[in-house]
Amino acid sequence: MNTYCGKRTLDLLVSGAACIVFAPLVAFVAVATKLEDGGPALFSQTRLGRYRRPFTIFKFRSMRNQEITRIGKWLRRTAIDEWPQFINVVRGEMSVVGPRPLTGQDIERLGWAGQSHDWRFTAKPGITGLSQLMAGRGVRSSERMERLYLRRQSLSLDLQLIALSVAVNLLGKRKIRSWMRGTSRIRVPANY
């Protein structure tokens, strides 16, 4: 699969900037989550990374007793629940842009456990990516988007996807997904 020089540098620059810029909002989310129901602010889970190596992913907790919390609805709608994953990027377990990080159960459910899907694990999983930004369109669509990203990844594409992710944080997933489907700026061809 295609890769480009400087991806790790971009990861560290973006993560460092995000940790500084988002620090006040991270503190607010942590306090608001704790005040809402007394539970911990962070949720951790084992995911499979590059070469299917397990690692612990961090997210802001958005559920309590199998129910989405009030603050959790906002966190999910704006994708702010993903921000603690910058810790994973700094630790080298993830990239800012890459395939969606999945659990072992997800991989089994999707039928991606065999060698025919080894291509998917040649890159570090990402906080954002084509699949994450366009989620909800089905397994085949997600697989095609991840293949496309891994073939065409570049500094330019990563910067576009990061910019779209910032827009999601500000405007919400629905508006940005709708805009992406209607624009030619980052259009994923139907026949890829």
N, C-alpha and C. Protein backbone atom coordinates (compact mmCIF):
# COMPACT_ATOMS: atom_id res chain seq x y z
N MET A 1 0.83 -1.18 0.00
CA MET A 1 0.00 0.00 0.00
C MET A 1 0.88 1.25 0.00
N ASN A 2 0.34 2.30 -0.54
CA ASN A 2 1.06 3.57 -0.63
C ASN A 2 1.22 4.20 0.76
N THR A 3 2.32 4.88 0.97
CA THR A 3 2.54 5.67 2.19
C THR A 3 3.35 6.89 1.81
N TYR A 4 3.52 7.82 2.68
CA TYR A 4 4.32 8.98 2.35
C TYR A 4 5.26 9.32 3.50
N CYS A 5 6.35 9.98 3.15
CA CYS A 5 7.34 10.42 4.13
C CYS A 5 6.73 11.50 5.00
N GLY A 6 7.06 11.52 6.23
CA GLY A 6 6.62 12.59 7.10
C GLY A 6 5.29 12.36 7.79
N LYS A 7 4.68 11.19 7.62
CA LYS A 7 3.38 10.94 8.25
C LYS A 7 3.50 10.99 9.78
N ARG A 8 4.56 10.40 10.31
CA ARG A 8 4.75 10.42 11.78
C ARG A 8 4.97 11.85 12.26
N THR A 9 5.69 12.65 11.49
CA THR A 9 5.91 14.05 11.86
C THR A 9 4.58 14.79 11.90
N LEU A 10 3.75 14.58 10.87
CA LEU A 10 2.42 15.20 10.85
C LEU A 10 1.61 14.76 12.06
N ASP A 11 1.66 13.45 12.37
CA ASP A 11 0.93 12.94 13.53
C ASP A 11 1.34 13.67 14.81
N LEU A 12 2.64 13.82 15.02
CA LEU A 12 3.13 14.46 16.24
C LEU A 12 2.79 15.95 16.28
N LEU A 13 2.90 16.63 15.13
CA LEU A 13 2.57 18.05 15.08
C LEU A 13 1.08 18.29 15.36
N VAL A 14 0.22 17.52 14.69
CA VAL A 14 -1.23 17.68 14.87
C VAL A 14 -1.63 17.31 16.30
N SER A 15 -1.08 16.21 16.81
CA SER A 15 -1.42 15.77 18.18
C SER A 15 -0.96 16.78 19.22
N GLY A 16 0.27 17.28 19.05
CA GLY A 16 0.77 18.28 19.99
C GLY A 16 -0.08 19.54 19.99
N ALA A 17 -0.41 20.02 18.79
CA ALA A 17 -1.25 21.21 18.67
C ALA A 17 -2.64 20.95 19.27
N ALA A 18 -3.21 19.78 18.99
CA ALA A 18 -4.54 19.44 19.51
C ALA A 18 -4.53 19.39 21.03
N CYS A 19 -3.50 18.81 21.61
CA CYS A 19 -3.42 18.72 23.08
C CYS A 19 -3.37 20.10 23.72
N ILE A 20 -2.69 21.03 23.06
CA ILE A 20 -2.60 22.40 23.60
C ILE A 20 -3.91 23.16 23.38
N VAL A 21 -4.39 23.16 22.14
CA VAL A 21 -5.58 23.94 21.79
C VAL A 21 -6.84 23.42 22.49
N PHE A 22 -6.98 22.10 22.56
CA PHE A 22 -8.20 21.52 23.11
C PHE A 22 -8.17 21.32 24.62
N ALA A 23 -7.06 21.64 25.28
CA ALA A 23 -6.93 21.38 26.72
C ALA A 23 -8.09 21.95 27.54
N PRO A 24 -8.51 23.21 27.32
CA PRO A 24 -9.63 23.72 28.13
C PRO A 24 -10.93 22.95 27.89
N LEU A 25 -11.22 22.59 26.65
CA LEU A 25 -12.44 21.84 26.36
C LEU A 25 -12.36 20.42 26.91
N VAL A 26 -11.17 19.82 26.86
CA VAL A 26 -10.98 18.48 27.42
C VAL A 26 -11.28 18.51 28.92
N ALA A 27 -10.79 19.53 29.60
CA ALA A 27 -11.05 19.66 31.04
C ALA A 27 -12.55 19.84 31.29
N PHE A 28 -13.21 20.66 30.47
CA PHE A 28 -14.65 20.87 30.61
C PHE A 28 -15.41 19.56 30.42
N VAL A 29 -15.06 18.79 29.37
CA VAL A 29 -15.75 17.52 29.09
C VAL A 29 -15.54 16.54 30.24
N ALA A 30 -14.33 16.47 30.76
CA ALA A 30 -14.04 15.55 31.86
C ALA A 30 -14.89 15.90 33.09
N VAL A 31 -14.95 17.19 33.43
CA VAL A 31 -15.73 17.63 34.59
C VAL A 31 -17.23 17.42 34.34
N ALA A 32 -17.71 17.78 33.16
CA ALA A 32 -19.14 17.63 32.84
C ALA A 32 -19.57 16.16 32.88
N THR A 33 -18.72 15.28 32.37
CA THR A 33 -19.03 13.84 32.38
C THR A 33 -19.11 13.34 33.82
N LYS A 34 -18.16 13.74 34.62
CA LYS A 34 -18.13 13.32 36.03
C LYS A 34 -19.35 13.85 36.78
N LEU A 35 -19.70 15.12 36.53
CA LEU A 35 -20.84 15.72 37.23
C LEU A 35 -22.17 15.11 36.80
N GLU A 36 -22.27 14.69 35.53
CA GLU A 36 -23.54 14.16 35.06
C GLU A 36 -23.95 12.89 35.78
N ASP A 37 -23.01 11.95 35.92
CA ASP A 37 -23.41 10.68 36.53
C ASP A 37 -22.38 10.09 37.49
N GLY A 38 -21.32 10.83 37.77
CA GLY A 38 -20.34 10.36 38.74
C GLY A 38 -19.35 9.34 38.21
N GLY A 39 -19.51 8.93 36.95
CA GLY A 39 -18.61 7.93 36.37
C GLY A 39 -17.32 8.54 35.86
N PRO A 40 -16.40 7.69 35.42
CA PRO A 40 -15.13 8.20 34.90
C PRO A 40 -15.32 8.93 33.57
N ALA A 41 -14.42 9.85 33.27
CA ALA A 41 -14.50 10.62 32.02
C ALA A 41 -14.05 9.79 30.83
N LEU A 42 -13.09 8.89 31.05
CA LEU A 42 -12.54 8.13 29.93
C LEU A 42 -13.05 6.70 29.90
N PHE A 43 -13.11 6.19 28.68
CA PHE A 43 -13.48 4.81 28.40
C PHE A 43 -12.27 4.21 27.68
N SER A 44 -11.89 3.00 28.03
CA SER A 44 -10.79 2.35 27.31
C SER A 44 -11.24 0.98 26.84
N GLN A 45 -10.64 0.54 25.74
CA GLN A 45 -11.03 -0.73 25.13
C GLN A 45 -9.88 -1.25 24.30
N THR A 46 -9.75 -2.55 24.19
CA THR A 46 -8.71 -3.15 23.36
C THR A 46 -9.15 -3.14 21.91
N ARG A 47 -8.29 -2.63 21.05
CA ARG A 47 -8.50 -2.63 19.60
C ARG A 47 -7.29 -3.28 18.95
N LEU A 48 -7.42 -3.62 17.67
CA LEU A 48 -6.30 -4.19 16.93
C LEU A 48 -5.71 -3.13 16.02
N GLY A 49 -4.40 -2.94 16.13
CA GLY A 49 -3.72 -1.92 15.37
C GLY A 49 -2.94 -2.49 14.20
N ARG A 50 -1.86 -1.82 13.87
CA ARG A 50 -1.02 -2.24 12.75
C ARG A 50 -0.52 -3.66 12.99
N TYR A 51 -0.56 -4.47 11.95
CA TYR A 51 -0.20 -5.89 12.00
C TYR A 51 -1.04 -6.66 13.02
N ARG A 52 -2.24 -6.16 13.30
CA ARG A 52 -3.21 -6.79 14.22
C ARG A 52 -2.71 -6.84 15.66
N ARG A 53 -1.79 -5.96 16.02
CA ARG A 53 -1.31 -5.92 17.40
C ARG A 53 -2.35 -5.22 18.28
N PRO A 54 -2.69 -5.84 19.43
CA PRO A 54 -3.67 -5.21 20.32
C PRO A 54 -3.08 -3.99 21.03
N PHE A 55 -3.92 -2.99 21.25
CA PHE A 55 -3.55 -1.83 22.04
C PHE A 55 -4.81 -1.31 22.72
N THR A 56 -4.62 -0.47 23.72
CA THR A 56 -5.74 0.10 24.45
C THR A 56 -6.06 1.48 23.89
N ILE A 57 -7.27 1.63 23.40
CA ILE A 57 -7.71 2.91 22.85
C ILE A 57 -8.44 3.71 23.94
N PHE A 58 -8.33 5.03 23.86
CA PHE A 58 -8.99 5.91 24.82
C PHE A 58 -10.04 6.76 24.11
N LYS A 59 -11.18 6.93 24.77
CA LYS A 59 -12.25 7.81 24.28
C LYS A 59 -12.92 8.45 25.48
N PHE A 60 -13.59 9.57 25.25
CA PHE A 60 -14.44 10.09 26.32
C PHE A 60 -15.64 9.16 26.44
N ARG A 61 -16.00 8.86 27.66
CA ARG A 61 -17.14 7.97 27.90
C ARG A 61 -18.43 8.70 27.53
N SER A 62 -19.27 8.03 26.74
CA SER A 62 -20.53 8.65 26.31
C SER A 62 -21.75 7.84 26.73
N MET A 63 -21.51 6.72 27.44
CA MET A 63 -22.63 5.87 27.86
C MET A 63 -22.55 5.54 29.35
N ARG A 64 -23.70 5.22 29.90
CA ARG A 64 -23.80 4.76 31.28
C ARG A 64 -24.90 3.73 31.32
N ASN A 65 -24.61 2.52 31.79
CA ASN A 65 -25.61 1.44 31.86
C ASN A 65 -26.30 1.23 30.51
N GLN A 66 -25.52 1.16 29.45
CA GLN A 66 -25.99 0.90 28.09
C GLN A 66 -26.86 2.01 27.51
N GLU A 67 -26.90 3.16 28.15
CA GLU A 67 -27.66 4.31 27.65
C GLU A 67 -26.71 5.45 27.35
N ILE A 68 -26.96 6.16 26.25
CA ILE A 68 -26.13 7.32 25.92
C ILE A 68 -26.50 8.46 26.86
N THR A 69 -25.48 9.06 27.47
CA THR A 69 -25.72 10.16 28.40
C THR A 69 -26.03 11.44 27.63
N ARG A 70 -26.51 12.47 28.35
CA ARG A 70 -26.80 13.75 27.69
C ARG A 70 -25.54 14.33 27.07
N ILE A 71 -24.47 14.37 27.85
CA ILE A 71 -23.23 14.91 27.29
C ILE A 71 -22.69 13.96 26.22
N GLY A 72 -22.95 12.67 26.37
CA GLY A 72 -22.51 11.69 25.39
C GLY A 72 -23.11 11.92 24.02
N LYS A 73 -24.37 12.36 23.97
CA LYS A 73 -25.00 12.67 22.68
C LYS A 73 -24.23 13.77 21.95
N TRP A 74 -23.89 14.81 22.69
CA TRP A 74 -23.12 15.91 22.10
C TRP A 74 -21.72 15.44 21.70
N LEU A 75 -21.07 14.64 22.55
CA LEU A 75 -19.72 14.14 22.24
C LEU A 75 -19.72 13.33 20.96
N ARG A 76 -20.71 12.48 20.80
CA ARG A 76 -20.78 11.64 19.60
C ARG A 76 -21.14 12.45 18.36
N ARG A 77 -22.08 13.36 18.49
CA ARG A 77 -22.51 14.16 17.34
C ARG A 77 -21.36 14.99 16.77
N THR A 78 -20.49 15.47 17.65
CA THR A 78 -19.37 16.32 17.23
C THR A 78 -18.06 15.55 17.09
N ALA A 79 -18.07 14.27 17.41
CA ALA A 79 -16.87 13.40 17.38
C ALA A 79 -15.81 13.83 18.39
N ILE A 80 -16.18 14.63 19.36
CA ILE A 80 -15.24 15.04 20.40
C ILE A 80 -14.88 13.85 21.30
N ASP A 81 -15.74 12.83 21.32
CA ASP A 81 -15.43 11.65 22.12
C ASP A 81 -14.14 10.97 21.67
N GLU A 82 -13.67 11.27 20.45
CA GLU A 82 -12.46 10.67 19.90
C GLU A 82 -11.18 11.38 20.35
N TRP A 83 -11.27 12.58 20.90
CA TRP A 83 -10.08 13.38 21.20
C TRP A 83 -9.03 12.69 22.08
N PRO A 84 -9.41 11.89 23.08
CA PRO A 84 -8.37 11.24 23.88
C PRO A 84 -7.47 10.30 23.07
N GLN A 85 -7.87 9.97 21.84
CA GLN A 85 -7.03 9.11 21.00
C GLN A 85 -5.75 9.81 20.57
N PHE A 86 -5.66 11.12 20.77
CA PHE A 86 -4.39 11.79 20.49
C PHE A 86 -3.29 11.21 21.39
N ILE A 87 -3.67 10.70 22.56
CA ILE A 87 -2.72 9.99 23.43
C ILE A 87 -2.18 8.77 22.68
N ASN A 88 -3.08 8.04 22.03
CA ASN A 88 -2.66 6.86 21.26
C ASN A 88 -1.74 7.23 20.11
N VAL A 89 -1.99 8.39 19.50
CA VAL A 89 -1.14 8.85 18.40
C VAL A 89 0.26 9.17 18.92
N VAL A 90 0.34 9.92 20.00
CA VAL A 90 1.64 10.27 20.58
C VAL A 90 2.40 9.00 20.96
N ARG A 91 1.70 8.00 21.48
CA ARG A 91 2.33 6.74 21.88
C ARG A 91 2.74 5.88 20.68
N GLY A 92 2.33 6.27 19.47
CA GLY A 92 2.71 5.54 18.27
C GLY A 92 1.81 4.37 17.93
N GLU A 93 0.68 4.23 18.61
CA GLU A 93 -0.24 3.13 18.36
C GLU A 93 -1.23 3.45 17.25
N MET A 94 -1.46 4.74 17.04
CA MET A 94 -2.41 5.20 16.03
C MET A 94 -1.79 6.33 15.23
N SER A 95 -2.46 6.67 14.15
CA SER A 95 -2.12 7.83 13.34
C SER A 95 -3.31 8.77 13.41
N VAL A 96 -3.12 10.03 13.05
CA VAL A 96 -4.26 10.94 13.02
C VAL A 96 -5.24 10.49 11.94
N VAL A 97 -4.72 10.07 10.77
CA VAL A 97 -5.56 9.62 9.67
C VAL A 97 -5.19 8.18 9.33
N GLY A 98 -6.18 7.33 9.20
CA GLY A 98 -5.95 5.93 8.86
C GLY A 98 -7.24 5.14 8.93
N PRO A 99 -7.16 3.82 8.75
CA PRO A 99 -8.35 2.98 8.84
C PRO A 99 -8.96 3.04 10.24
N ARG A 100 -10.24 2.78 10.33
CA ARG A 100 -10.94 2.80 11.62
C ARG A 100 -10.34 1.73 12.54
N PRO A 101 -10.07 2.08 13.81
CA PRO A 101 -9.58 1.07 14.77
C PRO A 101 -10.72 0.16 15.22
N LEU A 102 -10.56 -1.13 15.05
CA LEU A 102 -11.64 -2.08 15.34
C LEU A 102 -11.28 -3.03 16.48
N THR A 103 -12.30 -3.56 17.13
CA THR A 103 -12.10 -4.61 18.13
C THR A 103 -11.96 -5.95 17.41
N GLY A 104 -11.45 -6.94 18.13
CA GLY A 104 -11.39 -8.29 17.57
C GLY A 104 -12.77 -8.80 17.20
N GLN A 105 -13.77 -8.48 18.01
CA GLN A 105 -15.15 -8.90 17.73
C GLN A 105 -15.68 -8.23 16.47
N ASP A 106 -15.34 -6.94 16.27
CA ASP A 106 -15.75 -6.24 15.04
C ASP A 106 -15.19 -6.96 13.82
N ILE A 107 -13.91 -7.31 13.90
CA ILE A 107 -13.22 -7.93 12.76
C ILE A 107 -13.85 -9.28 12.44
N GLU A 108 -14.18 -10.06 13.46
CA GLU A 108 -14.86 -11.35 13.26
C GLU A 108 -16.24 -11.13 12.63
N ARG A 109 -17.00 -10.18 13.19
CA ARG A 109 -18.37 -9.91 12.71
C ARG A 109 -18.37 -9.48 11.25
N LEU A 110 -17.37 -8.68 10.87
CA LEU A 110 -17.28 -8.17 9.51
C LEU A 110 -16.71 -9.20 8.53
N GLY A 111 -16.14 -10.28 9.06
CA GLY A 111 -15.53 -11.30 8.20
C GLY A 111 -14.15 -10.88 7.71
N TRP A 112 -13.45 -10.05 8.49
CA TRP A 112 -12.15 -9.52 8.08
C TRP A 112 -10.99 -10.18 8.82
N ALA A 113 -11.23 -11.35 9.43
CA ALA A 113 -10.19 -11.99 10.23
C ALA A 113 -9.15 -12.74 9.39
N GLY A 114 -9.49 -13.11 8.18
CA GLY A 114 -8.59 -13.91 7.34
C GLY A 114 -7.48 -13.11 6.70
N GLN A 115 -6.57 -13.84 6.06
CA GLN A 115 -5.41 -13.22 5.40
C GLN A 115 -5.82 -12.30 4.26
N SER A 116 -6.99 -12.52 3.70
CA SER A 116 -7.42 -11.67 2.58
C SER A 116 -7.62 -10.21 3.02
N HIS A 117 -7.66 -9.97 4.33
CA HIS A 117 -7.80 -8.60 4.84
C HIS A 117 -6.54 -8.11 5.54
N ASP A 118 -5.42 -8.80 5.34
CA ASP A 118 -4.16 -8.34 5.93
C ASP A 118 -3.78 -6.95 5.44
N TRP A 119 -4.17 -6.59 4.21
CA TRP A 119 -3.87 -5.27 3.66
C TRP A 119 -4.34 -4.16 4.60
N ARG A 120 -5.47 -4.40 5.27
CA ARG A 120 -6.07 -3.39 6.13
C ARG A 120 -5.22 -3.07 7.34
N PHE A 121 -4.38 -4.01 7.72
CA PHE A 121 -3.57 -3.86 8.93
C PHE A 121 -2.12 -3.52 8.63
N THR A 122 -1.86 -3.04 7.41
CA THR A 122 -0.50 -2.61 7.06
C THR A 122 -0.23 -1.19 7.53
N ALA A 123 -1.27 -0.49 7.96
CA ALA A 123 -1.13 0.89 8.44
C ALA A 123 -1.68 0.99 9.85
N LYS A 124 -1.24 2.01 10.55
CA LYS A 124 -1.80 2.27 11.87
C LYS A 124 -3.24 2.75 11.71
N PRO A 125 -4.11 2.38 12.63
CA PRO A 125 -5.48 2.90 12.57
C PRO A 125 -5.47 4.40 12.86
N GLY A 126 -6.53 5.08 12.41
CA GLY A 126 -6.57 6.53 12.56
C GLY A 126 -7.74 7.03 13.38
N ILE A 127 -7.55 8.21 13.95
CA ILE A 127 -8.64 8.90 14.64
C ILE A 127 -9.71 9.26 13.61
N THR A 128 -9.26 9.67 12.43
CA THR A 128 -10.18 10.02 11.36
C THR A 128 -9.72 9.34 10.08
N GLY A 129 -10.57 9.37 9.08
CA GLY A 129 -10.26 8.78 7.78
C GLY A 129 -11.52 8.81 6.92
N LEU A 130 -11.38 8.34 5.70
CA LEU A 130 -12.56 8.30 4.82
C LEU A 130 -13.68 7.49 5.43
N SER A 131 -13.36 6.33 5.95
CA SER A 131 -14.38 5.46 6.52
C SER A 131 -15.05 6.10 7.73
N GLN A 132 -14.26 6.73 8.60
CA GLN A 132 -14.83 7.35 9.79
C GLN A 132 -15.74 8.52 9.42
N LEU A 133 -15.32 9.32 8.45
CA LEU A 133 -16.10 10.49 8.07
C LEU A 133 -17.38 10.12 7.32
N MET A 134 -17.35 9.00 6.60
CA MET A 134 -18.51 8.60 5.80
C MET A 134 -19.22 7.38 6.38
N ALA A 135 -19.05 7.12 7.67
CA ALA A 135 -19.61 5.93 8.31
C ALA A 135 -21.11 5.83 8.11
N GLY A 136 -21.61 4.61 8.28
CA GLY A 136 -23.04 4.40 8.19
C GLY A 136 -23.53 4.00 6.82
N ARG A 137 -22.60 3.70 5.90
CA ARG A 137 -23.02 3.35 4.54
C ARG A 137 -22.81 1.86 4.25
N GLY A 138 -22.45 1.08 5.26
CA GLY A 138 -22.33 -0.36 5.09
C GLY A 138 -20.90 -0.86 5.09
N VAL A 139 -20.79 -2.17 5.30
CA VAL A 139 -19.48 -2.82 5.41
C VAL A 139 -18.69 -2.72 4.12
N ARG A 140 -19.33 -3.00 2.99
CA ARG A 140 -18.61 -2.95 1.71
C ARG A 140 -18.10 -1.56 1.41
N SER A 141 -18.90 -0.56 1.72
CA SER A 141 -18.49 0.82 1.50
C SER A 141 -17.29 1.18 2.38
N SER A 142 -17.35 0.77 3.64
CA SER A 142 -16.22 1.03 4.56
C SER A 142 -14.95 0.38 4.06
N GLU A 143 -15.06 -0.88 3.61
CA GLU A 143 -13.89 -1.59 3.10
C GLU A 143 -13.32 -0.88 1.87
N ARG A 144 -14.18 -0.45 0.96
CA ARG A 144 -13.71 0.25 -0.24
C ARG A 144 -13.02 1.56 0.11
N MET A 145 -13.60 2.29 1.06
CA MET A 145 -12.99 3.56 1.46
C MET A 145 -11.63 3.36 2.11
N GLU A 146 -11.50 2.32 2.92
CA GLU A 146 -10.21 2.07 3.55
C GLU A 146 -9.17 1.63 2.52
N ARG A 147 -9.57 0.81 1.55
CA ARG A 147 -8.64 0.44 0.46
C ARG A 147 -8.21 1.68 -0.32
N LEU A 148 -9.19 2.51 -0.65
CA LEU A 148 -8.90 3.72 -1.41
C LEU A 148 -7.93 4.62 -0.64
N TYR A 149 -8.20 4.82 0.65
CA TYR A 149 -7.31 5.67 1.43
C TYR A 149 -5.89 5.09 1.44
N LEU A 150 -5.76 3.81 1.70
CA LEU A 150 -4.42 3.21 1.79
C LEU A 150 -3.67 3.27 0.46
N ARG A 151 -4.40 3.23 -0.66
CA ARG A 151 -3.75 3.35 -1.98
C ARG A 151 -3.34 4.78 -2.27
N ARG A 152 -4.14 5.74 -1.83
CA ARG A 152 -3.95 7.13 -2.25
C ARG A 152 -3.47 8.05 -1.13
N GLN A 153 -3.10 7.50 0.02
CA GLN A 153 -2.75 8.38 1.13
C GLN A 153 -1.59 9.30 0.75
N SER A 154 -1.73 10.53 1.17
CA SER A 154 -0.73 11.56 0.87
C SER A 154 -0.89 12.66 1.91
N LEU A 155 0.09 13.53 1.97
CA LEU A 155 0.01 14.67 2.87
C LEU A 155 -1.23 15.51 2.55
N SER A 156 -1.47 15.74 1.27
CA SER A 156 -2.62 16.55 0.85
C SER A 156 -3.94 15.93 1.30
N LEU A 157 -4.11 14.63 1.06
CA LEU A 157 -5.35 13.95 1.47
C LEU A 157 -5.50 13.96 2.98
N ASP A 158 -4.41 13.69 3.70
CA ASP A 158 -4.48 13.70 5.16
C ASP A 158 -4.90 15.08 5.67
N LEU A 159 -4.34 16.13 5.10
CA LEU A 159 -4.69 17.48 5.54
C LEU A 159 -6.16 17.80 5.25
N GLN A 160 -6.67 17.33 4.11
CA GLN A 160 -8.09 17.54 3.79
C GLN A 160 -8.99 16.81 4.80
N LEU A 161 -8.62 15.57 5.13
CA LEU A 161 -9.43 14.78 6.06
C LEU A 161 -9.36 15.36 7.48
N ILE A 162 -8.20 15.89 7.86
CA ILE A 162 -8.08 16.55 9.17
C ILE A 162 -8.96 17.80 9.20
N ALA A 163 -8.93 18.59 8.13
CA ALA A 163 -9.76 19.79 8.07
C ALA A 163 -11.25 19.44 8.16
N LEU A 164 -11.66 18.39 7.46
CA LEU A 164 -13.06 17.95 7.53
C LEU A 164 -13.42 17.49 8.94
N SER A 165 -12.48 16.84 9.60
CA SER A 165 -12.72 16.37 10.97
C SER A 165 -12.90 17.54 11.93
N VAL A 166 -12.11 18.59 11.74
CA VAL A 166 -12.28 19.80 12.56
C VAL A 166 -13.68 20.39 12.29
N ALA A 167 -14.10 20.39 11.04
CA ALA A 167 -15.44 20.88 10.70
C ALA A 167 -16.52 20.04 11.38
N VAL A 168 -16.30 18.72 11.46
CA VAL A 168 -17.25 17.84 12.16
C VAL A 168 -17.34 18.26 13.62
N ASN A 169 -16.18 18.54 14.24
CA ASN A 169 -16.18 18.96 15.65
C ASN A 169 -16.99 20.24 15.85
N LEU A 170 -16.94 21.13 14.87
CA LEU A 170 -17.64 22.41 14.99
C LEU A 170 -19.10 22.35 14.57
N LEU A 171 -19.40 21.61 13.50
CA LEU A 171 -20.73 21.63 12.91
C LEU A 171 -21.54 20.35 13.09
N GLY A 172 -20.87 19.27 13.47
CA GLY A 172 -21.55 17.99 13.63
C GLY A 172 -21.36 17.08 12.43
N LYS A 173 -21.48 15.78 12.67
CA LYS A 173 -21.24 14.76 11.64
C LYS A 173 -22.24 14.85 10.48
N ARG A 174 -23.52 15.03 10.80
CA ARG A 174 -24.55 15.02 9.75
C ARG A 174 -24.31 16.07 8.68
N LYS A 175 -24.02 17.29 9.10
CA LYS A 175 -23.83 18.38 8.13
C LYS A 175 -22.61 18.12 7.25
N ILE A 176 -21.53 17.67 7.85
CA ILE A 176 -20.30 17.46 7.07
C ILE A 176 -20.45 16.25 6.15
N ARG A 177 -21.07 15.18 6.63
CA ARG A 177 -21.29 14.01 5.75
C ARG A 177 -22.17 14.38 4.57
N SER A 178 -23.20 15.14 4.82
CA SER A 178 -24.08 15.59 3.74
C SER A 178 -23.30 16.44 2.74
N TRP A 179 -22.48 17.35 3.24
CA TRP A 179 -21.67 18.20 2.37
C TRP A 179 -20.68 17.37 1.56
N MET A 180 -20.04 16.38 2.22
CA MET A 180 -19.06 15.53 1.51
C MET A 180 -19.71 14.74 0.39
N ARG A 181 -20.93 14.26 0.61
CA ARG A 181 -21.60 13.47 -0.42
C ARG A 181 -22.01 14.34 -1.60
N GLY A 182 -22.17 15.64 -1.37
CA GLY A 182 -22.63 16.52 -2.43
C GLY A 182 -21.54 17.34 -3.09
N THR A 183 -20.32 17.23 -2.63
CA THR A 183 -19.24 18.05 -3.17
C THR A 183 -18.28 17.21 -4.00
N SER A 184 -17.52 17.86 -4.84
CA SER A 184 -16.52 17.13 -5.63
C SER A 184 -15.13 17.29 -5.04
N ARG A 185 -15.00 18.00 -3.92
CA ARG A 185 -13.68 18.23 -3.33
C ARG A 185 -13.03 16.94 -2.87
N ILE A 186 -13.74 16.15 -2.11
CA ILE A 186 -13.24 14.83 -1.70
C ILE A 186 -14.34 13.87 -2.07
N ARG A 187 -14.38 13.51 -3.30
CA ARG A 187 -15.41 12.61 -3.78
C ARG A 187 -14.80 11.23 -3.99
N VAL A 188 -15.41 10.24 -3.40
CA VAL A 188 -14.95 8.87 -3.54
C VAL A 188 -15.74 8.26 -4.69
N PRO A 189 -15.09 7.94 -5.81
CA PRO A 189 -15.80 7.42 -6.97
C PRO A 189 -16.57 6.14 -6.66
N ALA A 190 -17.72 5.99 -7.28
CA ALA A 190 -18.55 4.80 -7.03
C ALA A 190 -17.88 3.54 -7.51
N ASN A 191 -16.98 3.61 -8.47
CA ASN A 191 -16.38 2.39 -9.05
C ASN A 191 -14.98 2.10 -8.53
N TYR A 192 -14.62 2.64 -7.36
CA TYR A 192 -13.29 2.35 -6.86
C TYR A 192 -13.26 0.97 -6.29
